[in-house]
Protein backbone atom coordinates (compact mmCIF):
# COMPACT_ATOMS: atom_id res chain seq x y z
CA MET A 1 40.21 8.10 -31.02
CA ARG A 2 36.62 8.44 -28.83
CA LEU A 3 34.75 5.11 -28.58
CA ARG A 4 31.62 6.69 -29.83
CA ASP A 5 33.38 7.94 -33.00
CA TYR A 6 35.77 4.71 -33.53
CA ALA A 7 31.91 2.78 -33.60
CA ARG A 8 30.51 5.08 -36.07
CA HIS A 9 32.06 4.00 -38.52
CA ASP A 10 32.80 1.24 -40.63
CA ALA A 11 35.90 -0.06 -42.50
CA VAL A 12 35.35 1.67 -45.19
CA GLY A 13 34.78 4.89 -43.17
CA LEU A 14 38.04 4.64 -41.00
CA ALA A 15 40.48 4.18 -43.53
CA GLU A 16 39.39 7.14 -45.39
CA LEU A 17 40.28 9.66 -42.59
CA VAL A 18 43.66 7.48 -42.23
CA HIS A 19 43.57 8.43 -46.09
CA LYS A 20 43.16 12.40 -45.45
CA GLY A 21 45.15 11.82 -42.56
CA GLU A 22 42.10 13.36 -40.01
CA VAL A 23 43.05 9.80 -37.40
CA SER A 24 46.45 7.98 -37.71
CA PRO A 25 46.05 3.96 -38.10
CA LEU A 26 47.58 3.91 -34.00
CA GLU A 27 44.21 5.71 -32.72
CA ILE A 28 42.69 3.32 -34.96
CA ILE A 29 44.34 0.57 -33.57
CA GLU A 30 43.96 1.98 -29.85
CA ALA A 31 40.57 2.04 -30.20
CA ALA A 32 40.16 -0.59 -30.71
CA LEU A 33 41.50 -2.15 -28.49
CA ALA A 34 39.95 0.18 -25.70
CA ALA A 35 36.32 -1.50 -27.25
CA VAL A 36 37.39 -5.04 -27.01
CA ASP A 37 38.91 -4.69 -23.13
CA CYS A 38 34.70 -3.51 -22.10
CA ILE A 39 33.10 -5.38 -24.75
CA ASN A 40 34.47 -8.78 -25.30
CA PRO A 41 34.07 -9.53 -21.18
CA GLU A 42 30.46 -9.21 -21.94
CA VAL A 43 30.48 -11.11 -24.87
CA ASN A 44 33.52 -13.57 -25.71
CA ALA A 45 33.54 -13.05 -29.03
CA ALA A 46 37.46 -13.18 -29.52
CA PHE A 47 39.69 -15.60 -26.93
CA LEU A 48 42.87 -14.44 -28.49
CA ILE A 49 44.00 -10.76 -28.82
CA ASP A 50 47.35 -9.84 -29.70
CA ALA A 51 47.69 -6.23 -28.80
CA GLU A 52 51.55 -5.88 -28.94
CA ARG A 53 51.57 -7.08 -32.62
CA ALA A 54 48.47 -5.15 -33.69
CA LEU A 55 49.94 -1.96 -32.43
CA ASP A 56 53.28 -2.72 -33.93
CA ALA A 57 51.88 -2.73 -37.18
CA ALA A 58 49.49 -0.35 -37.41
CA ARG A 59 53.11 1.90 -36.55
CA GLU A 60 54.48 0.35 -39.94
CA VAL A 61 51.19 0.06 -41.97
CA ASP A 62 51.09 1.89 -45.29
CA ASN A 63 48.73 4.64 -44.90
CA SER A 64 47.92 4.83 -48.10
CA ALA A 65 46.87 1.22 -48.61
CA PRO A 66 43.01 0.87 -49.25
CA LEU A 67 42.26 -0.60 -46.00
CA ALA A 68 45.28 0.67 -44.22
CA GLY A 69 44.65 0.45 -39.94
CA VAL A 70 41.23 -1.05 -40.18
CA PRO A 71 41.44 -3.60 -37.02
CA PHE A 72 40.35 -6.96 -38.46
CA LEU A 73 39.61 -10.86 -36.77
CA ILE A 74 40.49 -13.45 -38.04
CA LYS A 75 38.46 -17.00 -37.21
CA ASP A 76 40.12 -19.75 -35.67
CA VAL A 77 39.69 -21.97 -39.02
CA ASN A 78 40.55 -22.60 -42.89
CA VAL A 79 43.19 -19.72 -43.04
CA PHE A 80 46.82 -19.52 -41.66
CA VAL A 81 48.32 -16.97 -39.93
CA ALA A 82 52.05 -16.81 -39.59
CA GLU A 83 52.10 -15.57 -35.98
CA TRP A 84 49.70 -17.61 -34.70
CA THR A 85 48.90 -21.09 -34.09
CA THR A 86 45.43 -22.21 -36.14
CA THR A 87 43.22 -24.87 -33.24
CA PHE A 88 40.27 -25.17 -35.00
CA ALA A 89 38.60 -24.43 -31.35
CA SER A 90 40.04 -28.18 -30.78
CA ARG A 91 41.44 -29.03 -28.01
CA PHE A 92 43.63 -31.89 -30.07
CA PHE A 93 45.13 -29.02 -32.27
CA ARG A 94 46.10 -26.33 -28.38
CA GLU A 95 49.88 -27.30 -29.27
CA ALA A 96 50.03 -27.02 -33.25
CA GLN A 97 52.57 -24.47 -35.07
CA PRO A 98 51.84 -21.82 -36.98
CA LYS A 99 52.34 -22.64 -40.56
CA GLY A 100 52.67 -19.59 -43.43
CA ASP A 101 49.90 -17.23 -44.26
CA SER A 102 47.06 -18.40 -46.16
CA GLU A 103 46.82 -16.66 -49.75
CA ILE A 104 44.00 -14.63 -48.30
CA VAL A 105 45.68 -13.53 -45.63
CA LYS A 106 48.21 -12.05 -47.29
CA ARG A 107 46.27 -10.08 -49.30
CA TRP A 108 44.41 -9.06 -46.44
CA ARG A 109 48.05 -8.12 -45.18
CA LYS A 110 48.84 -6.08 -48.24
CA ALA A 111 44.86 -3.84 -48.16
CA GLY A 112 46.44 -2.69 -44.43
CA LEU A 113 44.04 -4.34 -42.52
CA ILE A 114 45.00 -4.23 -39.24
CA PHE A 115 45.30 -8.07 -37.17
CA LEU A 116 44.09 -8.06 -33.36
CA GLY A 117 43.21 -11.42 -32.86
CA ARG A 118 41.52 -14.77 -33.28
CA SER A 119 37.45 -14.79 -33.18
CA ASN A 120 34.99 -17.76 -31.14
CA THR A 121 33.71 -20.74 -32.90
CA PRO A 122 32.33 -23.63 -32.68
CA GLU A 123 34.87 -26.99 -33.32
CA PHE A 124 35.74 -26.99 -36.69
CA ALA A 125 33.25 -25.02 -37.87
CA GLU A 126 30.82 -27.71 -37.55
CA ASP A 127 27.94 -26.37 -35.61
CA ALA A 128 25.21 -23.64 -36.19
CA VAL A 129 25.78 -22.37 -32.80
CA THR A 130 28.89 -21.05 -30.77
CA GLU A 131 28.57 -23.01 -27.89
CA THR A 132 32.13 -24.30 -26.87
CA THR A 133 33.46 -26.23 -23.90
CA TRP A 134 37.40 -25.24 -24.47
CA ARG A 135 36.70 -21.96 -25.90
CA GLY A 136 32.69 -20.85 -23.93
CA ILE A 137 29.84 -19.37 -25.35
CA THR A 138 29.72 -16.39 -27.58
CA TYR A 139 26.94 -13.88 -26.53
CA ASN A 140 24.42 -12.60 -28.54
CA PRO A 141 24.62 -8.55 -28.51
CA TRP A 142 21.07 -8.24 -28.88
CA ASP A 143 20.57 -10.40 -26.08
CA LYS A 144 22.59 -12.79 -24.02
CA ARG A 145 20.31 -15.33 -23.51
CA VAL A 146 19.98 -16.67 -27.19
CA THR A 147 22.08 -18.16 -29.58
CA VAL A 148 25.01 -15.50 -31.53
CA GLY A 149 24.45 -18.45 -34.78
CA GLY A 150 27.18 -20.02 -36.13
CA SER A 151 29.76 -21.01 -37.33
CA SER A 152 31.03 -17.26 -37.38
CA GLY A 153 29.66 -16.24 -34.15
CA GLY A 154 32.35 -14.42 -32.73
CA ALA A 155 32.73 -12.59 -35.15
CA ALA A 156 29.17 -12.05 -35.66
CA ALA A 157 29.82 -10.65 -31.73
CA ALA A 158 32.65 -8.50 -32.78
CA VAL A 159 30.86 -6.68 -35.04
CA ALA A 160 27.14 -6.59 -34.32
CA SER A 161 28.64 -5.02 -30.62
CA GLY A 162 31.09 -2.61 -32.64
CA MET A 163 34.22 -4.28 -31.46
CA MET A 164 34.88 -4.96 -35.35
CA PRO A 165 33.78 -2.87 -38.06
CA VAL A 166 33.91 -6.23 -39.99
CA ALA A 167 35.91 -9.95 -39.18
CA HIS A 168 36.22 -12.66 -41.01
CA GLY A 169 33.87 -15.78 -41.71
CA THR A 170 33.49 -18.70 -43.29
CA ASP A 171 30.59 -20.25 -44.86
CA VAL A 172 30.67 -24.38 -45.47
CA GLY A 173 26.68 -24.55 -44.87
CA GLY A 174 25.26 -20.81 -43.94
CA SER A 175 28.47 -19.95 -41.37
CA ILE A 176 28.19 -16.48 -42.08
CA ARG A 177 24.76 -16.14 -42.87
CA ILE A 178 23.02 -17.77 -40.24
CA PRO A 179 25.39 -15.48 -37.45
CA ALA A 180 24.18 -12.34 -39.72
CA ALA A 181 20.73 -12.91 -39.14
CA CYS A 182 20.97 -13.85 -36.10
CA CYS A 183 23.46 -10.53 -35.06
CA GLY A 184 21.40 -7.98 -37.57
CA LEU A 185 24.32 -7.77 -40.59
CA PHE A 186 25.08 -8.26 -44.03
CA GLY A 187 26.96 -11.44 -44.56
CA LEU A 188 27.58 -12.44 -48.27
CA LYS A 189 29.10 -15.89 -49.54
CA PRO A 190 30.77 -15.47 -52.55
CA THR A 191 30.82 -17.43 -55.26
CA ARG A 192 32.55 -20.23 -55.57
CA GLY A 193 36.43 -20.28 -55.87
CA LEU A 194 36.19 -16.52 -55.83
CA ASN A 195 38.05 -15.89 -52.75
CA PRO A 196 41.02 -18.51 -52.85
CA LEU A 197 41.98 -21.03 -49.85
CA GLY A 198 45.27 -22.10 -50.89
CA PRO A 199 47.83 -22.75 -50.42
CA HIS A 200 47.30 -25.22 -47.96
CA TYR A 201 43.92 -26.00 -49.12
CA ALA A 202 42.89 -26.98 -53.01
CA GLU A 203 39.15 -26.86 -51.66
CA LEU A 204 36.43 -26.97 -48.59
CA GLY A 205 33.84 -28.96 -48.07
CA ALA A 206 34.49 -30.56 -51.64
CA GLY A 207 33.79 -27.54 -53.08
CA LEU A 208 31.08 -26.43 -50.00
CA ASN A 209 32.84 -23.65 -48.58
CA SER A 210 33.84 -19.96 -49.18
CA ASP A 211 35.19 -17.29 -46.80
CA HIS A 212 34.53 -13.90 -46.83
CA VAL A 213 33.77 -11.07 -44.11
CA ILE A 214 31.26 -10.15 -41.80
CA SER A 215 30.34 -6.34 -42.08
CA ARG A 216 27.52 -4.24 -40.99
CA SER A 217 27.92 -2.69 -44.39
CA VAL A 218 27.20 -3.59 -47.64
CA ARG A 219 30.14 -2.02 -48.83
CA ASP A 220 32.22 -2.96 -46.92
CA SER A 221 31.62 -6.57 -47.57
CA ALA A 222 32.87 -5.18 -51.46
CA ALA A 223 36.01 -3.15 -50.75
CA LEU A 224 37.19 -6.61 -49.16
CA LEU A 225 36.25 -8.88 -51.71
CA ASP A 226 38.22 -5.61 -53.95
CA VAL A 227 41.08 -6.71 -52.34
CA THR A 228 40.64 -10.77 -51.75
CA ALA A 229 38.75 -11.68 -54.70
CA GLY A 230 41.02 -13.38 -57.95
CA PRO A 231 42.51 -16.67 -58.61
CA GLU A 232 45.73 -17.64 -56.70
CA LEU A 233 48.64 -20.14 -57.87
CA ALA A 234 47.50 -22.75 -58.45
CA GLY A 235 44.38 -22.98 -56.99
CA ARG A 236 41.86 -25.49 -57.86
CA TYR A 237 39.61 -22.61 -59.36
CA MET A 238 39.97 -19.79 -61.62
CA VAL A 239 36.99 -17.43 -60.86
CA ARG A 240 38.17 -13.70 -61.38
CA LYS A 241 36.26 -10.47 -60.24
CA SER A 242 32.94 -10.24 -62.75
CA VAL A 243 33.83 -6.03 -62.34
CA PRO A 244 37.11 -4.30 -61.98
CA SER A 245 35.37 -2.96 -58.33
CA TYR A 246 32.86 -4.65 -56.13
CA LEU A 247 32.76 -1.09 -54.43
CA ALA A 248 32.44 1.40 -57.93
CA VAL A 249 29.88 -0.68 -58.82
CA LEU A 250 27.37 -0.26 -56.10
CA LYS A 251 27.27 3.82 -57.05
CA GLU A 252 25.77 2.20 -60.63
CA PRO A 253 22.06 1.96 -61.44
CA VAL A 254 20.43 -1.67 -60.88
CA GLU A 255 18.15 -2.89 -63.64
CA ARG A 256 14.68 -3.98 -63.58
CA LEU A 257 15.35 -7.47 -62.10
CA ARG A 258 12.89 -10.83 -61.80
CA ILE A 259 13.10 -12.30 -57.86
CA ALA A 260 11.88 -15.30 -57.17
CA CYS A 261 10.21 -15.82 -53.99
CA VAL A 262 10.89 -18.85 -51.84
CA THR A 263 9.33 -19.29 -48.48
CA ARG A 264 8.73 -23.36 -48.60
CA ALA A 265 11.65 -24.61 -47.14
CA PRO A 266 13.16 -27.97 -48.40
CA GLY A 267 11.88 -30.72 -47.19
CA GLY A 268 8.83 -28.26 -45.70
CA VAL A 269 10.55 -27.58 -42.55
CA THR A 270 8.54 -24.75 -40.88
CA VAL A 271 9.01 -21.10 -40.78
CA ASP A 272 7.67 -18.91 -38.12
CA ALA A 273 5.28 -16.29 -39.60
CA GLU A 274 7.48 -13.12 -37.78
CA ILE A 275 10.30 -14.52 -40.64
CA LEU A 276 7.51 -14.56 -43.31
CA ALA A 277 6.27 -11.56 -42.58
CA ALA A 278 9.77 -10.12 -42.49
CA VAL A 279 10.87 -12.40 -46.24
CA ASP A 280 7.16 -10.27 -47.37
CA GLU A 281 7.94 -6.55 -45.95
CA GLY A 282 11.46 -7.47 -48.21
CA ALA A 283 9.78 -8.42 -51.04
CA LYS A 284 7.08 -5.29 -51.49
CA GLN A 285 10.66 -3.09 -50.19
CA LEU A 286 11.97 -4.54 -53.38
CA GLU A 287 9.08 -4.24 -55.58
CA ALA A 288 8.69 -0.11 -54.52
CA LEU A 289 12.51 -0.30 -55.91
CA GLY A 290 10.79 -0.86 -59.30
CA HIS A 291 12.02 -5.00 -59.02
CA HIS A 292 9.93 -7.52 -59.99
CA VAL A 293 8.82 -9.85 -57.34
CA GLU A 294 7.27 -13.45 -58.33
CA SER A 295 6.36 -16.20 -55.39
CA HIS A 296 7.97 -19.32 -56.15
CA GLY A 297 9.27 -22.68 -54.70
CA PHE A 298 12.63 -25.01 -54.96
CA PRO A 299 12.80 -27.44 -56.95
CA SER A 300 11.28 -30.78 -56.24
CA LEU A 301 14.56 -33.45 -55.62
CA LEU A 302 15.28 -30.69 -52.88
CA ASP A 303 13.53 -32.26 -50.30
CA GLU A 304 14.83 -35.48 -50.60
CA ASP A 305 18.54 -35.34 -48.51
CA ILE A 306 21.22 -35.24 -51.02
CA GLY A 307 23.52 -35.39 -48.46
CA SER A 308 25.89 -32.48 -48.85
CA SER A 309 26.61 -32.29 -44.93
CA SER A 310 29.22 -35.43 -45.54
CA LEU A 311 30.96 -33.30 -48.05
CA TRP A 312 32.50 -31.19 -44.64
CA MET A 313 31.93 -33.68 -42.52
CA MET A 314 35.63 -35.30 -44.89
CA ASP A 315 36.84 -31.75 -43.68
CA VAL A 316 36.43 -32.53 -40.27
CA ALA A 317 38.13 -36.21 -40.61
CA GLY A 318 40.90 -35.18 -42.25
CA GLU A 319 41.83 -33.05 -40.39
CA VAL A 320 41.95 -34.89 -36.86
CA THR A 321 43.71 -37.65 -39.43
CA GLN A 322 46.19 -35.55 -39.98
CA ARG A 323 47.38 -34.00 -36.90
CA ALA A 324 47.05 -37.67 -35.02
CA LYS A 325 49.76 -38.48 -37.49
CA GLU A 326 51.49 -35.34 -36.63
CA ILE A 327 51.95 -35.97 -33.24
CA GLY A 328 51.38 -40.09 -33.33
CA ARG A 329 48.45 -40.64 -31.78
CA GLY A 330 44.88 -39.90 -31.96
CA PRO A 331 42.54 -38.18 -30.37
CA VAL A 332 41.32 -39.00 -26.77
CA ARG A 333 37.80 -38.19 -25.17
CA ASN A 334 38.09 -35.09 -23.83
CA GLU A 335 39.87 -33.59 -27.13
CA LEU A 336 37.15 -33.18 -28.79
CA GLU A 337 33.62 -32.04 -28.88
CA ALA A 338 30.19 -34.88 -29.25
CA ALA A 339 29.88 -34.13 -32.30
CA SER A 340 33.23 -34.26 -33.86
CA TRP A 341 32.71 -37.91 -32.23
CA ALA A 342 30.17 -38.45 -34.26
CA ILE A 343 30.90 -36.66 -37.17
CA LEU A 344 34.03 -39.50 -37.25
CA GLN A 345 32.25 -41.98 -36.85
CA LYS A 346 30.01 -41.60 -39.72
CA VAL A 347 33.08 -40.96 -42.15
CA ARG A 348 34.69 -43.81 -41.37
CA ARG A 349 31.44 -45.70 -41.80
CA MET A 350 31.83 -44.11 -45.71
CA THR A 351 32.78 -45.74 -48.29
CA ALA A 352 34.62 -44.13 -50.87
CA LEU A 353 32.07 -44.95 -53.42
CA GLU A 354 29.47 -43.44 -50.95
CA LEU A 355 31.44 -40.22 -51.54
CA ALA A 356 31.01 -40.36 -54.96
CA GLU A 357 27.55 -40.66 -55.31
CA THR A 358 27.50 -37.33 -53.10
CA ARG A 359 29.40 -35.56 -55.04
CA GLN A 360 27.59 -36.72 -57.50
CA ARG A 361 23.26 -35.89 -56.16
CA ALA A 362 25.09 -32.37 -55.28
CA HIS A 363 26.29 -31.88 -59.15
CA GLU A 364 22.33 -32.82 -60.25
CA ALA A 365 21.57 -30.57 -57.28
CA THR A 366 23.11 -27.90 -58.81
CA VAL A 367 21.73 -28.54 -62.46
CA ALA A 368 18.52 -28.65 -61.23
CA MET A 369 18.76 -25.17 -59.22
CA ALA A 370 20.17 -24.08 -62.46
CA GLN A 371 16.85 -25.19 -64.44
CA HIS A 372 14.82 -23.81 -61.99
CA PHE A 373 15.42 -20.32 -61.87
CA ALA A 374 16.75 -19.77 -65.38
CA ASP A 375 13.94 -17.39 -65.67
CA PHE A 376 14.84 -15.17 -62.58
CA ASP A 377 17.88 -12.72 -61.70
CA MET A 378 17.26 -13.71 -57.99
CA ILE A 379 16.03 -15.72 -55.51
CA LEU A 380 15.06 -14.12 -52.20
CA THR A 381 14.33 -16.62 -49.45
CA PRO A 382 14.33 -15.95 -45.07
CA SER A 383 18.20 -16.77 -43.73
CA LEU A 384 16.42 -18.42 -41.08
CA ALA A 385 13.76 -20.81 -40.48
CA THR A 386 13.30 -19.45 -36.79
CA LEU A 387 14.00 -16.62 -34.60
CA PRO A 388 17.41 -17.43 -32.84
CA PRO A 389 17.00 -20.29 -30.61
CA ALA A 390 18.20 -20.57 -26.77
CA LEU A 391 21.28 -21.55 -25.45
CA GLY A 392 21.42 -24.47 -25.41
CA VAL A 393 18.68 -25.65 -27.34
CA ILE A 394 21.55 -26.95 -30.37
CA ASP A 395 23.37 -29.32 -28.43
CA GLY A 396 26.98 -30.55 -29.90
CA ARG A 397 28.81 -30.86 -26.98
CA SER A 398 26.98 -31.91 -23.48
CA ALA A 399 26.86 -35.46 -21.93
CA ASN A 400 22.96 -35.63 -23.80
CA PHE A 401 24.20 -34.89 -27.04
CA GLU A 402 21.89 -36.95 -29.89
CA TYR A 403 23.67 -37.09 -33.32
CA GLU A 404 19.94 -37.36 -35.20
CA ALA A 405 18.58 -35.01 -32.52
CA TRP A 406 21.45 -32.64 -33.82
CA ILE A 407 21.13 -32.65 -36.97
CA LYS A 408 17.09 -32.29 -36.42
CA ALA A 409 17.76 -29.65 -34.90
CA GLY A 410 20.05 -27.73 -37.30
CA LEU A 411 18.11 -27.54 -40.30
CA SER A 412 14.86 -26.41 -38.07
CA PHE A 413 16.80 -23.45 -37.50
CA ALA A 414 18.95 -22.97 -40.94
CA PRO A 415 17.07 -25.14 -43.76
CA PHE A 416 17.91 -22.11 -46.64
CA SER A 417 21.30 -22.11 -46.33
CA GLU A 418 23.71 -25.00 -47.11
CA ILE A 419 22.01 -25.56 -50.75
CA PHE A 420 23.26 -22.37 -52.11
CA ASN A 421 27.20 -23.86 -50.74
CA VAL A 422 26.47 -27.41 -52.89
CA THR A 423 25.44 -24.98 -55.51
CA GLY A 424 28.21 -22.46 -55.40
CA GLN A 425 25.84 -19.58 -56.09
CA PRO A 426 26.82 -16.45 -53.87
CA ALA A 427 24.03 -15.42 -51.52
CA ALA A 428 23.90 -13.32 -48.60
CA SER A 429 22.02 -12.06 -45.64
CA LEU A 430 20.58 -8.97 -44.78
CA PRO A 431 19.00 -7.26 -41.60
CA LEU A 432 16.00 -5.95 -42.96
CA SER A 433 13.62 -6.57 -40.25
CA HIS A 434 13.15 -7.27 -36.07
CA ALA A 435 11.50 -9.27 -33.90
CA LYS A 436 8.18 -8.22 -31.82
CA ASN A 437 10.69 -9.01 -29.34
CA GLY A 438 13.28 -6.95 -30.64
CA LEU A 439 15.68 -9.96 -32.16
CA PRO A 440 17.65 -9.21 -35.54
CA ILE A 441 15.20 -10.73 -38.63
CA GLY A 442 17.62 -11.40 -41.92
CA ILE A 443 16.26 -12.66 -45.39
CA GLN A 444 18.78 -14.04 -47.93
CA LEU A 445 19.12 -12.84 -51.50
CA VAL A 446 20.75 -15.12 -53.64
CA ALA A 447 22.31 -14.29 -57.31
CA ARG A 448 23.51 -16.16 -60.19
CA GLN A 449 26.92 -17.91 -59.96
CA GLY A 450 29.52 -14.94 -60.66
CA GLN A 451 27.15 -12.36 -59.82
CA ASP A 452 28.44 -11.23 -56.60
CA HIS A 453 28.47 -7.94 -57.97
CA LEU A 454 25.05 -7.80 -58.75
CA LEU A 455 23.77 -9.31 -55.51
CA LEU A 456 26.38 -6.57 -53.79
CA THR A 457 24.39 -4.05 -55.15
CA LEU A 458 20.84 -4.86 -54.94
CA SER A 459 22.20 -5.28 -51.19
CA ALA A 460 23.23 -1.26 -51.34
CA GLN A 461 19.95 -0.73 -52.84
CA LEU A 462 18.21 -2.49 -50.06
CA GLU A 463 20.47 -0.86 -46.97
CA ALA A 464 19.50 2.57 -48.43
CA ALA A 465 16.09 2.42 -48.28
CA ASN A 466 15.69 0.75 -45.11
CA GLY A 467 18.68 2.54 -42.59
CA TRP A 468 19.56 -0.41 -41.17
CA LEU A 469 23.26 0.68 -40.37
CA ASP A 470 20.91 2.75 -37.68
CA ARG A 471 20.31 0.02 -35.50
CA HIS A 472 22.64 -0.96 -32.62
CA PRO A 473 22.24 -3.73 -29.99
CA PRO A 474 22.11 -2.95 -26.16
CA ILE A 475 25.57 -4.52 -25.73
CA TRP A 476 27.34 -1.89 -27.88
CA VAL A 477 30.52 0.03 -28.08
CA GLY A 478 28.58 3.37 -29.22
CA ALA A 479 27.31 3.40 -26.30
CA ILE A 480 29.97 3.73 -23.90
CA GLN A 481 30.88 7.08 -22.94
CA SER A 482 34.75 8.27 -23.35
């Protein structure tokens, strides 16, 4: 399979070729490995490529499976794969032993995905950029001087560059949507609990986290949700699909929706003029599709710090503590990044009562948001407040690290995402525009809990009207002559 042909197909398209007998899974995986050889040295999206296992899996996969032969990268946090260690991108876990497959991994296998390896991520997925000391910087295929975003930066670089049609991402505060916006991709964070987290975890980030994928096309996101969504044995969240098939519903018409357009960030963070213009253009596209768009704002409660970041920071401390028990010692200085040490100190100072109060504030914010937007079907916001900043601007690891400056830089960059982890609503970044310097600009659409199908269908409408699938970065597999 030629690299140009490989790059122009999304995951659904590649699987359709297999189903029709026009190409074999082995041919697809051989092309994917060739793409990795050409592109990964440029972007450092993947740190592990298990070529032999991938080729063996391609020979054995059921060609009738929904996503038969589709290559896939799995992020190095949250989920466990029987063949590989999960290190959380931390040197403290470099000798950890593999565990049995997470439930979502079992569902990916059954769907016919071929696991090529692990994608790069900041330590414990705790940063809005992917610039790690251990595994190095992941570079943005649009411009290597700016961030790829985080924490699913490796996944985004792999998909944007055409190495992979789709890749695993996690989102506890924007970690799917931020890199999707930085890299001109579609990134959906599903409704809380729709995708499984077990059996190794009951929940992550006190319910803030959702695992899913980053993709180029909306239909790939829908197809992946079809094969992963739904309750698991002993799961804390028993959330069921809202439709029999998210992929099938994309073909159905969308009723006229009431959409709240919110451009003022929580806390009054300044939003770049080019991003505001992109949101305005997105609103006009939605109106042209027959929807009603109305200017609105967040409830005033969001101008206060509800402390939700403490909820996912507890997981960082929990993982480190558990690992220390396993090996009989705590981490030494060079085994954790500066941000991780600061997070450990913060969590260790936190009392159980303070944690309970933070969870209560998160609940109150969720109620306030539901009441505030009760008259709307959807919310439209910027995905980010700024264009992707230069490498090193958001500093979670250097000798100059300062906790407060790091938190402020992250919030100034991405103030619109974490609130929807708090509320558990499905939220997606859509690559509707580009800045004057050529960098992508994403807009965010948010639906009510359980309305993932409506969010996907509206996104598909915008994709068809916008034509973003035809836009590619300078570093792209499809430009390679083969």
